Amino acid sequence: IEDIGLEKAGVKTGKGKVLVNEFYETSVPGIYAIGDIVPGPALAHVASAEGILCVEKIAGMDVRPLDYGNIAACTYTNPEIASVGLTEAAAKEAGREIKVGKFPFTASGKATASGSRDGFIKLIFDASYGELLGAHMIGANVTEMISEIVVARKLETTAHEIIRSVHPHPTMSEAIMEAAAAAYGEVIHI
């Protein structure tokens, strides 16, 4: 962002990024910025969401700021890694009493049938209300499964709502239900 005339236009920058408000307007009214040039995660799916929100705000629509605490992080390796929300350590550091459920893919019929038994799903819940605070996954196709968690967190879904949501069998995603059940001592497939 250097030497492109931002200073001359009056657009404020900091630490190599264009500074924006919660709706991506810069310090100059009518000039907006999104994506890798603004603070926040430099991810394609985040830039897309920022762009949509920015345009909707410009169009006068009633929009809410993007919830950066509910953005999935995905690592496309073998096995894949995906996470969203708080880690177990961060939840404890924040003073939250938590319940943690973990389900290994070695106990999954689909993982066994597909030869993808490496990995697990780990879910962190608030002990008082059952609110889903975070999820961490390692294994085949977990970057596809993390979206269920993003939606569940957005809707403030509780552990027991996940447990009572019948997941198809055999699927990799049923490990999410099993991990929720494990947090409450209700898992039966381990």
N, C-alpha and C. Protein backbone atom coordinates (compact mmCIF):
# COMPACT_ATOMS: atom_id res chain seq x y z
N ILE A 1 0.82 -1.21 0.00
CA ILE A 1 0.00 0.00 0.00
C ILE A 1 0.86 1.26 0.00
N GLU A 2 2.14 1.08 -0.23
CA GLU A 2 3.03 2.24 -0.26
C GLU A 2 3.06 2.86 -1.64
N ASP A 3 3.25 4.15 -1.67
CA ASP A 3 3.44 4.91 -2.91
C ASP A 3 2.29 4.76 -3.91
N ILE A 4 1.07 4.68 -3.40
CA ILE A 4 -0.08 4.63 -4.31
C ILE A 4 -1.01 5.83 -4.10
N GLY A 5 -0.54 6.81 -3.31
CA GLY A 5 -1.29 8.05 -3.14
C GLY A 5 -2.29 8.07 -2.01
N LEU A 6 -2.24 7.08 -1.13
CA LEU A 6 -3.19 7.06 -0.03
C LEU A 6 -3.04 8.27 0.89
N GLU A 7 -1.79 8.60 1.23
CA GLU A 7 -1.54 9.75 2.10
C GLU A 7 -2.04 11.03 1.46
N LYS A 8 -1.79 11.18 0.18
CA LYS A 8 -2.23 12.37 -0.55
C LYS A 8 -3.76 12.49 -0.54
N ALA A 9 -4.44 11.34 -0.60
CA ALA A 9 -5.91 11.33 -0.58
C ALA A 9 -6.46 11.49 0.83
N GLY A 10 -5.57 11.37 1.84
CA GLY A 10 -6.01 11.49 3.23
C GLY A 10 -6.44 10.19 3.88
N VAL A 11 -6.17 9.08 3.21
CA VAL A 11 -6.54 7.77 3.75
C VAL A 11 -5.49 7.35 4.78
N LYS A 12 -5.94 7.08 6.00
CA LYS A 12 -5.02 6.71 7.08
C LYS A 12 -4.64 5.23 6.98
N THR A 13 -3.36 4.98 7.29
CA THR A 13 -2.85 3.62 7.29
C THR A 13 -2.12 3.37 8.60
N GLY A 14 -1.88 2.10 8.88
CA GLY A 14 -1.14 1.73 10.08
C GLY A 14 -0.67 0.30 9.96
N LYS A 15 0.59 0.08 10.28
CA LYS A 15 1.19 -1.26 10.23
C LYS A 15 0.98 -1.93 8.87
N GLY A 16 1.09 -1.15 7.81
CA GLY A 16 0.99 -1.70 6.46
C GLY A 16 -0.42 -2.03 6.01
N LYS A 17 -1.42 -1.52 6.72
CA LYS A 17 -2.81 -1.80 6.38
C LYS A 17 -3.59 -0.49 6.26
N VAL A 18 -4.65 -0.50 5.47
CA VAL A 18 -5.55 0.65 5.38
C VAL A 18 -6.51 0.55 6.56
N LEU A 19 -6.63 1.63 7.32
CA LEU A 19 -7.50 1.63 8.49
C LEU A 19 -8.93 1.94 8.06
N VAL A 20 -9.87 1.12 8.55
CA VAL A 20 -11.28 1.25 8.18
C VAL A 20 -12.15 1.12 9.42
N ASN A 21 -13.42 1.56 9.28
CA ASN A 21 -14.37 1.36 10.36
C ASN A 21 -15.01 -0.03 10.21
N GLU A 22 -16.00 -0.32 11.02
CA GLU A 22 -16.60 -1.66 11.01
C GLU A 22 -17.36 -1.98 9.72
N PHE A 23 -17.57 -0.95 8.88
CA PHE A 23 -18.22 -1.17 7.59
C PHE A 23 -17.28 -0.87 6.42
N TYR A 24 -15.97 -0.84 6.71
CA TYR A 24 -14.90 -0.77 5.71
C TYR A 24 -14.72 0.58 5.04
N GLU A 25 -15.28 1.63 5.65
CA GLU A 25 -15.04 2.98 5.15
C GLU A 25 -13.73 3.47 5.74
N THR A 26 -12.91 4.07 4.91
CA THR A 26 -11.62 4.59 5.36
C THR A 26 -11.84 5.92 6.07
N SER A 27 -10.76 6.58 6.40
CA SER A 27 -10.82 7.90 7.04
C SER A 27 -11.36 8.96 6.10
N VAL A 28 -11.50 8.63 4.84
CA VAL A 28 -12.06 9.56 3.85
C VAL A 28 -13.45 9.06 3.46
N PRO A 29 -14.50 9.82 3.77
CA PRO A 29 -15.85 9.39 3.41
C PRO A 29 -15.95 9.05 1.93
N GLY A 30 -16.57 7.91 1.65
CA GLY A 30 -16.76 7.48 0.27
C GLY A 30 -15.66 6.61 -0.29
N ILE A 31 -14.58 6.44 0.47
CA ILE A 31 -13.50 5.54 0.04
C ILE A 31 -13.50 4.35 0.99
N TYR A 32 -13.58 3.16 0.40
CA TYR A 32 -13.69 1.92 1.16
C TYR A 32 -12.54 0.99 0.83
N ALA A 33 -12.25 0.07 1.75
CA ALA A 33 -11.21 -0.94 1.52
C ALA A 33 -11.62 -2.23 2.22
N ILE A 34 -11.30 -3.36 1.58
CA ILE A 34 -11.58 -4.68 2.14
C ILE A 34 -10.42 -5.62 1.84
N GLY A 35 -10.48 -6.79 2.41
CA GLY A 35 -9.54 -7.86 2.05
C GLY A 35 -8.19 -7.74 2.70
N ASP A 36 -7.18 -8.19 1.99
CA ASP A 36 -5.84 -8.29 2.55
C ASP A 36 -5.23 -6.95 2.94
N ILE A 37 -5.76 -5.84 2.45
CA ILE A 37 -5.15 -4.53 2.76
C ILE A 37 -5.72 -3.90 4.03
N VAL A 38 -6.70 -4.55 4.68
CA VAL A 38 -7.24 -4.04 5.94
C VAL A 38 -6.86 -5.00 7.06
N PRO A 39 -6.86 -4.52 8.32
CA PRO A 39 -6.56 -5.42 9.44
C PRO A 39 -7.57 -6.58 9.49
N GLY A 40 -7.11 -7.71 9.95
CA GLY A 40 -7.98 -8.88 10.05
C GLY A 40 -7.40 -10.04 9.28
N PRO A 41 -8.09 -11.17 9.31
CA PRO A 41 -7.59 -12.36 8.62
C PRO A 41 -7.49 -12.14 7.11
N ALA A 42 -6.35 -12.49 6.54
CA ALA A 42 -6.14 -12.36 5.09
C ALA A 42 -6.57 -13.67 4.43
N LEU A 43 -7.87 -13.86 4.35
CA LEU A 43 -8.45 -15.08 3.78
C LEU A 43 -9.46 -14.72 2.71
N ALA A 44 -9.51 -15.50 1.65
CA ALA A 44 -10.42 -15.20 0.54
C ALA A 44 -11.87 -15.16 0.99
N HIS A 45 -12.29 -16.10 1.86
CA HIS A 45 -13.68 -16.11 2.30
C HIS A 45 -14.01 -14.92 3.18
N VAL A 46 -13.03 -14.39 3.89
CA VAL A 46 -13.25 -13.18 4.69
C VAL A 46 -13.38 -11.97 3.78
N ALA A 47 -12.50 -11.86 2.79
CA ALA A 47 -12.57 -10.73 1.85
C ALA A 47 -13.91 -10.72 1.12
N SER A 48 -14.40 -11.88 0.74
CA SER A 48 -15.70 -11.96 0.07
C SER A 48 -16.81 -11.45 0.98
N ALA A 49 -16.81 -11.90 2.23
CA ALA A 49 -17.83 -11.45 3.19
C ALA A 49 -17.72 -9.95 3.45
N GLU A 50 -16.48 -9.45 3.56
CA GLU A 50 -16.29 -8.01 3.75
C GLU A 50 -16.83 -7.22 2.57
N GLY A 51 -16.56 -7.69 1.36
CA GLY A 51 -17.04 -7.01 0.16
C GLY A 51 -18.55 -6.94 0.10
N ILE A 52 -19.20 -8.04 0.40
CA ILE A 52 -20.67 -8.08 0.39
C ILE A 52 -21.23 -7.13 1.43
N LEU A 53 -20.70 -7.20 2.65
CA LEU A 53 -21.18 -6.33 3.73
C LEU A 53 -20.96 -4.86 3.39
N CYS A 54 -19.80 -4.55 2.84
CA CYS A 54 -19.46 -3.17 2.45
C CYS A 54 -20.45 -2.64 1.42
N VAL A 55 -20.70 -3.41 0.38
CA VAL A 55 -21.62 -2.98 -0.68
C VAL A 55 -23.04 -2.84 -0.15
N GLU A 56 -23.45 -3.77 0.70
CA GLU A 56 -24.80 -3.67 1.28
C GLU A 56 -24.94 -2.41 2.13
N LYS A 57 -23.90 -2.06 2.88
CA LYS A 57 -23.93 -0.84 3.69
C LYS A 57 -23.99 0.39 2.78
N ILE A 58 -23.18 0.41 1.73
CA ILE A 58 -23.20 1.54 0.78
C ILE A 58 -24.59 1.67 0.17
N ALA A 59 -25.26 0.55 -0.09
CA ALA A 59 -26.59 0.55 -0.70
C ALA A 59 -27.69 0.92 0.29
N GLY A 60 -27.31 1.17 1.54
CA GLY A 60 -28.29 1.60 2.53
C GLY A 60 -29.02 0.48 3.24
N MET A 61 -28.54 -0.73 3.07
CA MET A 61 -29.18 -1.86 3.74
C MET A 61 -28.81 -1.86 5.22
N ASP A 62 -29.67 -2.47 6.04
CA ASP A 62 -29.42 -2.60 7.48
C ASP A 62 -28.51 -3.80 7.69
N VAL A 63 -27.24 -3.56 7.96
CA VAL A 63 -26.27 -4.64 8.11
C VAL A 63 -25.61 -4.57 9.47
N ARG A 64 -25.12 -5.71 9.91
CA ARG A 64 -24.36 -5.79 11.16
C ARG A 64 -22.90 -6.05 10.81
N PRO A 65 -21.99 -5.58 11.66
CA PRO A 65 -20.57 -5.83 11.39
C PRO A 65 -20.26 -7.33 11.36
N LEU A 66 -19.24 -7.68 10.63
CA LEU A 66 -18.79 -9.06 10.53
C LEU A 66 -18.27 -9.53 11.88
N ASP A 67 -18.61 -10.74 12.27
CA ASP A 67 -18.15 -11.33 13.52
C ASP A 67 -16.84 -12.08 13.25
N TYR A 68 -15.73 -11.39 13.48
CA TYR A 68 -14.43 -12.00 13.21
C TYR A 68 -14.10 -13.13 14.19
N GLY A 69 -14.83 -13.23 15.29
CA GLY A 69 -14.63 -14.33 16.23
C GLY A 69 -15.27 -15.63 15.77
N ASN A 70 -15.99 -15.56 14.65
CA ASN A 70 -16.65 -16.76 14.14
C ASN A 70 -16.24 -17.04 12.69
N ILE A 71 -14.97 -16.83 12.43
CA ILE A 71 -14.40 -17.10 11.11
C ILE A 71 -13.59 -18.40 11.21
N ALA A 72 -13.90 -19.35 10.36
CA ALA A 72 -13.18 -20.62 10.38
C ALA A 72 -11.77 -20.46 9.83
N ALA A 73 -10.84 -21.10 10.50
CA ALA A 73 -9.46 -21.19 10.02
C ALA A 73 -9.28 -22.60 9.47
N CYS A 74 -8.82 -22.70 8.25
CA CYS A 74 -8.66 -24.01 7.60
C CYS A 74 -7.24 -24.16 7.06
N THR A 75 -6.67 -25.32 7.30
CA THR A 75 -5.36 -25.65 6.77
C THR A 75 -5.52 -26.86 5.87
N TYR A 76 -5.19 -26.66 4.59
CA TYR A 76 -5.43 -27.69 3.58
C TYR A 76 -4.21 -28.58 3.42
N THR A 77 -4.00 -29.41 4.43
CA THR A 77 -2.90 -30.37 4.45
C THR A 77 -3.51 -31.77 4.49
N ASN A 78 -2.67 -32.76 4.65
CA ASN A 78 -3.17 -34.11 4.83
C ASN A 78 -2.58 -34.67 6.11
N PRO A 79 -3.34 -34.76 7.19
CA PRO A 79 -4.77 -34.48 7.29
C PRO A 79 -5.06 -32.98 7.35
N GLU A 80 -6.31 -32.63 7.05
CA GLU A 80 -6.74 -31.24 7.12
C GLU A 80 -6.91 -30.82 8.58
N ILE A 81 -6.84 -29.50 8.79
CA ILE A 81 -7.05 -28.93 10.13
C ILE A 81 -8.06 -27.80 9.99
N ALA A 82 -9.02 -27.74 10.91
CA ALA A 82 -10.01 -26.66 10.89
C ALA A 82 -10.36 -26.28 12.31
N SER A 83 -10.59 -24.99 12.53
CA SER A 83 -10.98 -24.53 13.86
C SER A 83 -11.78 -23.25 13.75
N VAL A 84 -12.55 -22.99 14.81
CA VAL A 84 -13.29 -21.74 14.92
C VAL A 84 -13.58 -21.51 16.39
N GLY A 85 -13.57 -20.25 16.80
CA GLY A 85 -13.90 -19.92 18.18
C GLY A 85 -12.74 -20.10 19.13
N LEU A 86 -13.09 -20.26 20.39
CA LEU A 86 -12.08 -20.34 21.45
C LEU A 86 -11.42 -21.71 21.53
N THR A 87 -10.16 -21.69 21.90
CA THR A 87 -9.48 -22.93 22.27
C THR A 87 -9.85 -23.24 23.71
N GLU A 88 -9.56 -24.44 24.13
CA GLU A 88 -9.80 -24.81 25.53
C GLU A 88 -9.02 -23.89 26.46
N ALA A 89 -7.76 -23.62 26.14
CA ALA A 89 -6.93 -22.74 26.97
C ALA A 89 -7.48 -21.32 27.02
N ALA A 90 -7.89 -20.78 25.88
CA ALA A 90 -8.43 -19.42 25.85
C ALA A 90 -9.72 -19.30 26.64
N ALA A 91 -10.56 -20.32 26.58
CA ALA A 91 -11.81 -20.31 27.35
C ALA A 91 -11.51 -20.30 28.85
N LYS A 92 -10.54 -21.11 29.26
CA LYS A 92 -10.15 -21.15 30.68
C LYS A 92 -9.53 -19.83 31.11
N GLU A 93 -8.67 -19.26 30.26
CA GLU A 93 -8.04 -17.97 30.57
C GLU A 93 -9.08 -16.86 30.71
N ALA A 94 -10.19 -16.98 29.98
CA ALA A 94 -11.28 -16.00 30.06
C ALA A 94 -12.17 -16.24 31.28
N GLY A 95 -11.82 -17.23 32.09
CA GLY A 95 -12.58 -17.51 33.30
C GLY A 95 -13.83 -18.34 33.08
N ARG A 96 -13.95 -18.95 31.93
CA ARG A 96 -15.15 -19.74 31.63
C ARG A 96 -15.01 -21.14 32.21
N GLU A 97 -16.08 -21.63 32.81
CA GLU A 97 -16.14 -23.04 33.17
C GLU A 97 -16.62 -23.77 31.92
N ILE A 98 -15.90 -24.81 31.55
CA ILE A 98 -16.19 -25.44 30.26
C ILE A 98 -16.39 -26.94 30.37
N LYS A 99 -17.00 -27.47 29.34
CA LYS A 99 -17.09 -28.91 29.12
C LYS A 99 -16.46 -29.16 27.75
N VAL A 100 -15.65 -30.19 27.66
CA VAL A 100 -14.94 -30.50 26.43
C VAL A 100 -15.31 -31.91 25.98
N GLY A 101 -15.66 -32.02 24.72
CA GLY A 101 -15.96 -33.33 24.16
C GLY A 101 -15.04 -33.61 22.98
N LYS A 102 -14.54 -34.82 22.93
CA LYS A 102 -13.64 -35.20 21.85
C LYS A 102 -14.10 -36.55 21.30
N PHE A 103 -14.13 -36.64 19.97
CA PHE A 103 -14.52 -37.89 19.33
C PHE A 103 -13.47 -38.25 18.29
N PRO A 104 -12.82 -39.41 18.45
CA PRO A 104 -11.79 -39.82 17.49
C PRO A 104 -12.40 -40.46 16.25
N PHE A 105 -11.81 -40.20 15.11
CA PHE A 105 -12.30 -40.82 13.88
C PHE A 105 -12.08 -42.33 13.86
N THR A 106 -11.23 -42.84 14.75
CA THR A 106 -11.07 -44.29 14.83
C THR A 106 -12.37 -44.97 15.26
N ALA A 107 -13.29 -44.22 15.85
CA ALA A 107 -14.59 -44.76 16.28
C ALA A 107 -15.70 -44.48 15.26
N SER A 108 -15.35 -43.89 14.13
CA SER A 108 -16.33 -43.53 13.10
C SER A 108 -16.43 -44.61 12.03
N GLY A 109 -17.65 -45.08 11.78
CA GLY A 109 -17.86 -46.07 10.73
C GLY A 109 -17.47 -45.56 9.36
N LYS A 110 -17.81 -44.31 9.07
CA LYS A 110 -17.48 -43.72 7.76
C LYS A 110 -15.96 -43.59 7.60
N ALA A 111 -15.29 -43.13 8.66
CA ALA A 111 -13.83 -42.99 8.59
C ALA A 111 -13.18 -44.35 8.37
N THR A 112 -13.70 -45.36 9.04
CA THR A 112 -13.16 -46.71 8.89
C THR A 112 -13.38 -47.21 7.46
N ALA A 113 -14.59 -47.03 6.95
CA ALA A 113 -14.91 -47.51 5.60
C ALA A 113 -14.11 -46.79 4.53
N SER A 114 -13.81 -45.51 4.76
CA SER A 114 -13.08 -44.73 3.75
C SER A 114 -11.57 -44.78 3.94
N GLY A 115 -11.12 -45.41 5.01
CA GLY A 115 -9.69 -45.49 5.27
C GLY A 115 -9.09 -44.19 5.78
N SER A 116 -9.93 -43.35 6.38
CA SER A 116 -9.48 -42.03 6.88
C SER A 116 -9.69 -41.95 8.39
N ARG A 117 -9.06 -42.84 9.12
CA ARG A 117 -9.29 -42.93 10.57
C ARG A 117 -8.43 -41.99 11.40
N ASP A 118 -7.50 -41.28 10.78
CA ASP A 118 -6.65 -40.36 11.54
C ASP A 118 -7.43 -39.10 11.86
N GLY A 119 -7.36 -38.66 13.11
CA GLY A 119 -7.94 -37.38 13.48
C GLY A 119 -9.07 -37.47 14.49
N PHE A 120 -9.65 -36.30 14.76
CA PHE A 120 -10.69 -36.20 15.79
C PHE A 120 -11.44 -34.88 15.64
N ILE A 121 -12.54 -34.78 16.37
CA ILE A 121 -13.30 -33.55 16.53
C ILE A 121 -13.26 -33.21 18.02
N LYS A 122 -12.96 -31.97 18.34
CA LYS A 122 -12.96 -31.51 19.73
C LYS A 122 -13.86 -30.29 19.81
N LEU A 123 -14.84 -30.32 20.72
CA LEU A 123 -15.77 -29.21 20.91
C LEU A 123 -15.66 -28.68 22.32
N ILE A 124 -15.73 -27.36 22.47
CA ILE A 124 -15.66 -26.70 23.77
C ILE A 124 -16.98 -25.99 24.02
N PHE A 125 -17.61 -26.29 25.16
CA PHE A 125 -18.90 -25.70 25.52
C PHE A 125 -18.80 -24.96 26.84
N ASP A 126 -19.60 -23.92 27.00
CA ASP A 126 -19.77 -23.25 28.29
C ASP A 126 -20.52 -24.22 29.20
N ALA A 127 -19.99 -24.47 30.39
CA ALA A 127 -20.60 -25.45 31.29
C ALA A 127 -21.95 -25.00 31.82
N SER A 128 -22.16 -23.70 31.95
CA SER A 128 -23.42 -23.21 32.52
C SER A 128 -24.59 -23.30 31.56
N TYR A 129 -24.37 -22.88 30.32
CA TYR A 129 -25.48 -22.77 29.37
C TYR A 129 -25.39 -23.75 28.20
N GLY A 130 -24.27 -24.41 28.05
CA GLY A 130 -24.10 -25.33 26.94
C GLY A 130 -23.74 -24.67 25.63
N GLU A 131 -23.46 -23.35 25.68
CA GLU A 131 -23.11 -22.61 24.45
C GLU A 131 -21.83 -23.17 23.84
N LEU A 132 -21.84 -23.33 22.53
CA LEU A 132 -20.67 -23.81 21.80
C LEU A 132 -19.65 -22.67 21.67
N LEU A 133 -18.51 -22.82 22.33
CA LEU A 133 -17.49 -21.77 22.35
C LEU A 133 -16.44 -21.95 21.27
N GLY A 134 -16.14 -23.18 20.90
CA GLY A 134 -15.10 -23.41 19.91
C GLY A 134 -15.07 -24.84 19.44
N ALA A 135 -14.40 -25.04 18.32
CA ALA A 135 -14.25 -26.37 17.74
C ALA A 135 -12.90 -26.48 17.07
N HIS A 136 -12.33 -27.68 17.16
CA HIS A 136 -11.03 -27.95 16.57
C HIS A 136 -11.08 -29.35 15.97
N MET A 137 -10.67 -29.45 14.73
CA MET A 137 -10.79 -30.71 14.00
C MET A 137 -9.51 -31.02 13.24
N ILE A 138 -9.17 -32.27 13.23
CA ILE A 138 -8.06 -32.75 12.40
C ILE A 138 -8.55 -34.02 11.73
N GLY A 139 -8.40 -34.09 10.41
CA GLY A 139 -8.79 -35.30 9.69
C GLY A 139 -9.26 -35.01 8.29
N ALA A 140 -9.65 -36.07 7.61
CA ALA A 140 -10.13 -35.95 6.23
C ALA A 140 -11.42 -35.13 6.18
N ASN A 141 -11.46 -34.19 5.28
CA ASN A 141 -12.66 -33.37 5.00
C ASN A 141 -13.13 -32.49 6.15
N VAL A 142 -12.31 -32.24 7.16
CA VAL A 142 -12.76 -31.39 8.26
C VAL A 142 -12.96 -29.94 7.83
N THR A 143 -12.28 -29.51 6.76
CA THR A 143 -12.50 -28.15 6.28
C THR A 143 -13.90 -28.01 5.68
N GLU A 144 -14.53 -29.11 5.32
CA GLU A 144 -15.93 -29.10 4.88
C GLU A 144 -16.87 -29.10 6.09
N MET A 145 -16.49 -29.81 7.15
CA MET A 145 -17.36 -29.97 8.31
C MET A 145 -17.41 -28.75 9.22
N ILE A 146 -16.38 -27.90 9.19
CA ILE A 146 -16.32 -26.77 10.11
C ILE A 146 -17.47 -25.79 9.90
N SER A 147 -18.04 -25.75 8.71
CA SER A 147 -19.15 -24.83 8.44
C SER A 147 -20.36 -25.12 9.32
N GLU A 148 -20.59 -26.39 9.65
CA GLU A 148 -21.69 -26.71 10.58
C GLU A 148 -21.48 -26.01 11.91
N ILE A 149 -20.23 -25.97 12.35
CA ILE A 149 -19.92 -25.33 13.62
C ILE A 149 -20.08 -23.81 13.52
N VAL A 150 -19.65 -23.22 12.42
CA VAL A 150 -19.80 -21.77 12.22
C VAL A 150 -21.28 -21.39 12.32
N VAL A 151 -22.14 -22.15 11.65
CA VAL A 151 -23.58 -21.88 11.71
C VAL A 151 -24.11 -22.09 13.12
N ALA A 152 -23.70 -23.18 13.77
CA ALA A 152 -24.15 -23.46 15.13
C ALA A 152 -23.76 -22.33 16.08
N ARG A 153 -22.55 -21.82 15.95
CA ARG A 153 -22.12 -20.71 16.81
C ARG A 153 -22.90 -19.45 16.50
N LYS A 154 -23.15 -19.18 15.23
CA LYS A 154 -23.92 -17.99 14.83
C LYS A 154 -25.32 -18.03 15.44
N LEU A 155 -25.91 -19.21 15.49
CA LEU A 155 -27.27 -19.38 16.02
C LEU A 155 -27.29 -19.64 17.52
N GLU A 156 -26.11 -19.57 18.16
CA GLU A 156 -25.96 -19.80 19.60
C GLU A 156 -26.53 -21.15 20.02
N THR A 157 -26.22 -22.15 19.23
CA THR A 157 -26.68 -23.51 19.46
C THR A 157 -26.01 -24.10 20.69
N THR A 158 -26.77 -24.86 21.45
CA THR A 158 -26.22 -25.51 22.64
C THR A 158 -25.77 -26.93 22.32
N ALA A 159 -25.04 -27.50 23.25
CA ALA A 159 -24.56 -28.87 23.08
C ALA A 159 -25.72 -29.84 22.88
N HIS A 160 -26.75 -29.70 23.70
CA HIS A 160 -27.86 -30.64 23.60
C HIS A 160 -28.68 -30.46 22.33
N GLU A 161 -28.68 -29.28 21.76
CA GLU A 161 -29.33 -29.10 20.46
C GLU A 161 -28.54 -29.83 19.37
N ILE A 162 -27.22 -29.82 19.48
CA ILE A 162 -26.40 -30.58 18.53
C ILE A 162 -26.62 -32.08 18.74
N ILE A 163 -26.61 -32.51 20.00
CA ILE A 163 -26.80 -33.93 20.31
C ILE A 163 -28.14 -34.43 19.78
N ARG A 164 -29.18 -33.61 19.90
CA ARG A 164 -30.53 -34.01 19.49
C ARG A 164 -30.79 -33.80 17.99
N SER A 165 -29.83 -33.24 17.28
CA SER A 165 -29.95 -33.10 15.83
C SER A 165 -29.41 -34.38 15.21
N VAL A 166 -30.29 -35.16 14.64
CA VAL A 166 -29.91 -36.47 14.12
C VAL A 166 -29.02 -36.28 12.89
N HIS A 167 -27.81 -36.76 13.00
CA HIS A 167 -26.85 -36.71 11.90
C HIS A 167 -26.92 -38.03 11.14
N PRO A 168 -26.83 -38.00 9.82
CA PRO A 168 -26.91 -39.24 9.06
C PRO A 168 -25.73 -40.17 9.35
N HIS A 169 -25.99 -41.45 9.22
CA HIS A 169 -24.97 -42.47 9.46
C HIS A 169 -24.88 -43.38 8.24
N PRO A 170 -23.73 -43.71 7.78
CA PRO A 170 -22.42 -43.28 8.27
C PRO A 170 -21.95 -42.02 7.55
N THR A 171 -21.56 -41.03 8.30
CA THR A 171 -20.95 -39.82 7.75
C THR A 171 -19.83 -39.37 8.66
N MET A 172 -18.91 -38.60 8.11
CA MET A 172 -17.86 -38.02 8.93
C MET A 172 -18.45 -36.98 9.88
N SER A 173 -19.49 -36.26 9.41
CA SER A 173 -20.05 -35.17 10.21
C SER A 173 -20.76 -35.65 11.46
N GLU A 174 -21.14 -36.92 11.54
CA GLU A 174 -21.78 -37.38 12.77
C GLU A 174 -20.81 -37.34 13.94
N ALA A 175 -19.52 -37.22 13.66
CA ALA A 175 -18.54 -37.07 14.73
C ALA A 175 -18.76 -35.77 15.51
N ILE A 176 -19.37 -34.77 14.88
CA ILE A 176 -19.70 -33.52 15.58
C ILE A 176 -20.72 -33.82 16.67
N MET A 177 -21.78 -34.53 16.33
CA MET A 177 -22.79 -34.93 17.30
C MET A 177 -22.16 -35.77 18.42
N GLU A 178 -21.30 -36.69 18.03
CA GLU A 178 -20.65 -37.56 19.01
C GLU A 178 -19.74 -36.78 19.96
N ALA A 179 -19.02 -35.79 19.44
CA ALA A 179 -18.15 -34.97 20.29
C ALA A 179 -18.99 -34.17 21.28
N ALA A 180 -20.13 -33.64 20.83
CA ALA A 180 -21.02 -32.92 21.74
C ALA A 180 -21.52 -33.86 22.83
N ALA A 181 -21.90 -35.06 22.45
CA ALA A 181 -22.36 -36.04 23.43
C ALA A 181 -21.25 -36.41 24.41
N ALA A 182 -20.02 -36.50 23.91
CA ALA A 182 -18.89 -36.84 24.78
C ALA A 182 -18.68 -35.78 25.86
N ALA A 183 -18.94 -34.52 25.53
CA ALA A 183 -18.77 -33.44 26.51
C ALA A 183 -19.70 -33.60 27.70
N TYR A 184 -20.81 -34.29 27.50
CA TYR A 184 -21.80 -34.47 28.56
C TYR A 184 -21.93 -35.92 29.02
N GLY A 185 -20.94 -36.74 28.68
CA GLY A 185 -20.95 -38.13 29.11
C GLY A 185 -22.05 -38.95 28.48
N GLU A 186 -22.53 -38.52 27.30
CA GLU A 186 -23.65 -39.20 26.64
C GLU A 186 -23.24 -39.96 25.38
N VAL A 187 -21.97 -39.96 25.06
CA VAL A 187 -21.52 -40.63 23.84
C VAL A 187 -21.67 -42.14 24.00
N ILE A 188 -22.15 -42.80 22.95
CA ILE A 188 -22.32 -44.26 23.03
C ILE A 188 -21.52 -45.01 21.97
N HIS A 189 -20.87 -44.28 21.07
CA HIS A 189 -20.17 -44.95 19.96
C HIS A 189 -18.65 -44.95 20.12
N ILE A 190 -18.17 -44.86 21.32
CA ILE A 190 -16.72 -44.97 21.55
C ILE A 190 -16.48 -46.27 22.31
